[in-house]
Amino acid sequence: IASRPGINNKTKHIALRYHFVRHHIADGEIAPVKCDTLLNVADVLTKAVDRKTFQRLAPMLVKSVKRDAVTKSSGADPV
C-alpha cells in the first residue's frame, strides 16, 4: 500500500489520514527497506517464535533498547 499510490478495491476503506507513510515515502523523507527475517528483531514481539529464534533475537532487542536509551539521555547522535 505504501509504495503503490493507486487505490484499488481492497484499500478504499482505509481513511486518508492513515496514508501518512505513503506521503513521507513520496516526499523522500523515509525509504522502506527489506529486513531479512533472520535479523528482524520485531519478530520476538509480534510472532510466536521458537526458543532458538527467541534466544538469537532477544539479545539484539536489548542492545537496541539500551543504545536508544543512552542516546536519548546523552543527546548524542545514534551510531
N, C-alpha and C. Protein backbone atom coordinates (compact mmCIF):
# COMPACT_ATOMS: atom_id res chain seq x y z
N ILE A 1 0.82 -1.18 0.00
CA ILE A 1 0.00 0.00 0.00
C ILE A 1 0.87 1.25 0.00
N ALA A 2 1.95 1.25 0.80
CA ALA A 2 2.77 2.45 0.93
C ALA A 2 3.53 2.78 -0.34
N SER A 3 3.96 1.78 -1.08
CA SER A 3 4.78 2.06 -2.26
C SER A 3 4.00 2.10 -3.55
N ARG A 4 2.73 1.69 -3.54
CA ARG A 4 1.90 1.72 -4.75
C ARG A 4 0.79 2.75 -4.56
N PRO A 5 0.91 3.91 -5.20
CA PRO A 5 -0.02 5.00 -4.94
C PRO A 5 -1.46 4.79 -5.40
N GLY A 6 -1.72 3.86 -6.29
CA GLY A 6 -3.08 3.65 -6.77
C GLY A 6 -3.99 3.10 -5.70
N ILE A 7 -5.25 3.46 -5.76
CA ILE A 7 -6.23 2.93 -4.82
C ILE A 7 -7.04 1.87 -5.54
N ASN A 8 -7.18 0.73 -4.91
CA ASN A 8 -7.97 -0.34 -5.52
C ASN A 8 -9.09 -0.74 -4.57
N ASN A 9 -9.84 -1.74 -4.95
CA ASN A 9 -10.99 -2.17 -4.16
C ASN A 9 -10.61 -2.59 -2.74
N LYS A 10 -9.41 -3.09 -2.56
CA LYS A 10 -9.00 -3.58 -1.24
C LYS A 10 -8.57 -2.45 -0.30
N THR A 11 -8.26 -1.28 -0.85
CA THR A 11 -7.78 -0.19 0.00
C THR A 11 -8.75 0.98 0.09
N LYS A 12 -9.90 0.89 -0.52
CA LYS A 12 -10.86 2.00 -0.48
C LYS A 12 -11.31 2.34 0.93
N HIS A 13 -11.38 1.35 1.80
CA HIS A 13 -11.90 1.58 3.14
C HIS A 13 -10.91 2.27 4.06
N ILE A 14 -9.66 2.37 3.65
CA ILE A 14 -8.65 2.99 4.51
C ILE A 14 -8.76 4.51 4.40
N ALA A 15 -8.96 5.17 5.53
CA ALA A 15 -9.12 6.63 5.54
C ALA A 15 -7.81 7.30 5.14
N LEU A 16 -7.91 8.49 4.57
CA LEU A 16 -6.73 9.20 4.09
C LEU A 16 -5.72 9.49 5.20
N ARG A 17 -6.20 9.69 6.41
CA ARG A 17 -5.25 10.01 7.48
C ARG A 17 -4.30 8.87 7.78
N TYR A 18 -4.63 7.66 7.34
CA TYR A 18 -3.76 6.52 7.56
C TYR A 18 -2.70 6.37 6.47
N HIS A 19 -2.72 7.23 5.50
CA HIS A 19 -1.76 7.14 4.40
C HIS A 19 -0.57 8.07 4.58
N PHE A 20 -0.31 8.46 5.83
CA PHE A 20 0.81 9.37 6.06
C PHE A 20 2.15 8.74 5.68
N VAL A 21 2.27 7.44 5.80
CA VAL A 21 3.52 6.77 5.42
C VAL A 21 3.75 6.94 3.93
N ARG A 22 2.71 6.74 3.15
CA ARG A 22 2.82 6.91 1.70
C ARG A 22 3.28 8.32 1.35
N HIS A 23 2.74 9.31 2.05
CA HIS A 23 3.12 10.70 1.81
C HIS A 23 4.61 10.91 2.08
N HIS A 24 5.11 10.38 3.19
CA HIS A 24 6.51 10.56 3.54
C HIS A 24 7.44 9.80 2.60
N ILE A 25 6.98 8.68 2.09
CA ILE A 25 7.78 7.95 1.09
C ILE A 25 7.86 8.77 -0.19
N ALA A 26 6.73 9.32 -0.62
CA ALA A 26 6.70 10.12 -1.84
C ALA A 26 7.58 11.37 -1.71
N ASP A 27 7.65 11.95 -0.52
CA ASP A 27 8.48 13.13 -0.30
C ASP A 27 9.96 12.78 -0.12
N GLY A 28 10.27 11.49 -0.06
CA GLY A 28 11.66 11.07 0.12
C GLY A 28 12.16 11.19 1.54
N GLU A 29 11.27 11.39 2.49
CA GLU A 29 11.68 11.53 3.89
C GLU A 29 12.02 10.19 4.52
N ILE A 30 11.36 9.13 4.07
CA ILE A 30 11.68 7.78 4.55
C ILE A 30 11.74 6.85 3.36
N ALA A 31 12.44 5.75 3.53
CA ALA A 31 12.53 4.75 2.48
C ALA A 31 12.39 3.37 3.11
N PRO A 32 11.36 2.63 2.74
CA PRO A 32 11.22 1.29 3.30
C PRO A 32 12.31 0.37 2.77
N VAL A 33 12.85 -0.46 3.63
CA VAL A 33 13.88 -1.41 3.22
C VAL A 33 13.48 -2.80 3.69
N LYS A 34 13.89 -3.79 2.96
CA LYS A 34 13.58 -5.17 3.32
C LYS A 34 14.52 -5.60 4.44
N CYS A 35 13.95 -6.21 5.44
CA CYS A 35 14.73 -6.73 6.56
C CYS A 35 14.63 -8.25 6.52
N ASP A 36 15.76 -8.90 6.41
CA ASP A 36 15.80 -10.35 6.38
C ASP A 36 15.14 -10.91 7.64
N THR A 37 14.34 -11.92 7.48
CA THR A 37 13.61 -12.49 8.62
C THR A 37 14.54 -13.02 9.70
N LEU A 38 15.75 -13.39 9.36
CA LEU A 38 16.70 -13.87 10.37
C LEU A 38 17.22 -12.74 11.25
N LEU A 39 17.10 -11.49 10.77
CA LEU A 39 17.59 -10.35 11.53
C LEU A 39 16.47 -9.45 12.03
N ASN A 40 15.23 -9.83 11.82
CA ASN A 40 14.10 -8.99 12.18
C ASN A 40 13.78 -9.14 13.68
N VAL A 41 14.31 -8.22 14.46
CA VAL A 41 14.16 -8.27 15.91
C VAL A 41 12.70 -8.13 16.33
N ALA A 42 11.89 -7.45 15.54
CA ALA A 42 10.48 -7.25 15.88
C ALA A 42 9.71 -8.57 15.93
N ASP A 43 10.21 -9.61 15.29
CA ASP A 43 9.54 -10.90 15.33
C ASP A 43 9.34 -11.40 16.76
N VAL A 44 10.27 -11.08 17.65
CA VAL A 44 10.16 -11.51 19.05
C VAL A 44 8.90 -10.92 19.68
N LEU A 45 8.52 -9.72 19.27
CA LEU A 45 7.38 -9.04 19.86
C LEU A 45 6.08 -9.26 19.10
N THR A 46 6.16 -9.73 17.87
CA THR A 46 4.96 -9.81 17.04
C THR A 46 4.55 -11.21 16.61
N LYS A 47 5.41 -12.20 16.84
CA LYS A 47 5.11 -13.55 16.40
C LYS A 47 5.41 -14.56 17.50
N ALA A 48 4.82 -15.71 17.37
CA ALA A 48 5.18 -16.82 18.25
C ALA A 48 6.42 -17.45 17.65
N VAL A 49 7.56 -17.26 18.29
CA VAL A 49 8.82 -17.80 17.76
C VAL A 49 9.29 -18.94 18.64
N ASP A 50 10.06 -19.83 18.04
CA ASP A 50 10.59 -20.95 18.83
C ASP A 50 11.71 -20.46 19.75
N ARG A 51 12.13 -21.30 20.66
CA ARG A 51 13.15 -20.95 21.66
C ARG A 51 14.46 -20.52 20.99
N LYS A 52 14.88 -21.24 19.97
CA LYS A 52 16.14 -20.94 19.29
C LYS A 52 16.10 -19.53 18.68
N THR A 53 15.01 -19.20 18.02
CA THR A 53 14.87 -17.88 17.41
C THR A 53 14.82 -16.80 18.48
N PHE A 54 14.08 -17.05 19.55
CA PHE A 54 14.00 -16.09 20.64
C PHE A 54 15.37 -15.82 21.24
N GLN A 55 16.13 -16.89 21.49
CA GLN A 55 17.45 -16.73 22.09
C GLN A 55 18.42 -16.00 21.16
N ARG A 56 18.20 -16.09 19.87
CA ARG A 56 19.05 -15.39 18.90
C ARG A 56 18.67 -13.92 18.79
N LEU A 57 17.37 -13.60 18.82
CA LEU A 57 16.91 -12.24 18.59
C LEU A 57 16.81 -11.38 19.85
N ALA A 58 16.49 -11.97 20.99
CA ALA A 58 16.29 -11.20 22.22
C ALA A 58 17.50 -10.35 22.60
N PRO A 59 18.73 -10.86 22.53
CA PRO A 59 19.88 -10.01 22.87
C PRO A 59 20.01 -8.80 21.93
N MET A 60 19.65 -8.96 20.67
CA MET A 60 19.69 -7.83 19.73
C MET A 60 18.68 -6.77 20.14
N LEU A 61 17.52 -7.19 20.60
CA LEU A 61 16.49 -6.25 21.03
C LEU A 61 16.96 -5.48 22.25
N VAL A 62 17.56 -6.14 23.19
CA VAL A 62 18.05 -5.49 24.40
C VAL A 62 19.14 -4.49 24.05
N LYS A 63 20.05 -4.84 23.14
CA LYS A 63 21.10 -3.91 22.72
C LYS A 63 20.51 -2.66 22.11
N SER A 64 19.52 -2.80 21.24
CA SER A 64 18.96 -1.62 20.59
C SER A 64 18.21 -0.75 21.58
N VAL A 65 17.54 -1.34 22.56
CA VAL A 65 16.83 -0.56 23.57
C VAL A 65 17.83 0.19 24.44
N LYS A 66 18.89 -0.46 24.87
CA LYS A 66 19.92 0.20 25.68
C LYS A 66 20.59 1.31 24.90
N ARG A 67 20.91 1.08 23.63
CA ARG A 67 21.56 2.08 22.79
C ARG A 67 20.67 3.30 22.65
N ASP A 68 19.37 3.08 22.42
CA ASP A 68 18.43 4.19 22.27
C ASP A 68 18.31 5.00 23.57
N ALA A 69 18.31 4.31 24.71
CA ALA A 69 18.19 4.99 26.00
C ALA A 69 19.42 5.85 26.26
N VAL A 70 20.59 5.34 25.96
CA VAL A 70 21.83 6.09 26.15
C VAL A 70 21.87 7.29 25.22
N THR A 71 21.47 7.10 23.98
CA THR A 71 21.48 8.18 23.00
C THR A 71 20.54 9.29 23.43
N LYS A 72 19.33 8.94 23.88
CA LYS A 72 18.35 9.94 24.28
C LYS A 72 18.82 10.70 25.53
N SER A 73 19.43 10.01 26.47
CA SER A 73 19.83 10.67 27.72
C SER A 73 21.06 11.54 27.53
N SER A 74 21.94 11.19 26.59
CA SER A 74 23.16 11.97 26.40
C SER A 74 23.00 13.04 25.35
N GLY A 75 21.96 12.94 24.52
CA GLY A 75 21.77 13.92 23.46
C GLY A 75 22.66 13.67 22.26
N ALA A 76 23.41 12.58 22.27
CA ALA A 76 24.32 12.26 21.18
C ALA A 76 23.56 11.71 19.99
N ASP A 77 24.16 11.78 18.83
CA ASP A 77 23.57 11.20 17.63
C ASP A 77 23.75 9.70 17.66
N PRO A 78 22.74 8.94 17.20
CA PRO A 78 22.87 7.48 17.18
C PRO A 78 23.95 7.04 16.20
N VAL A 79 24.60 5.95 16.54
CA VAL A 79 25.69 5.44 15.71
C VAL A 79 25.14 4.47 14.71
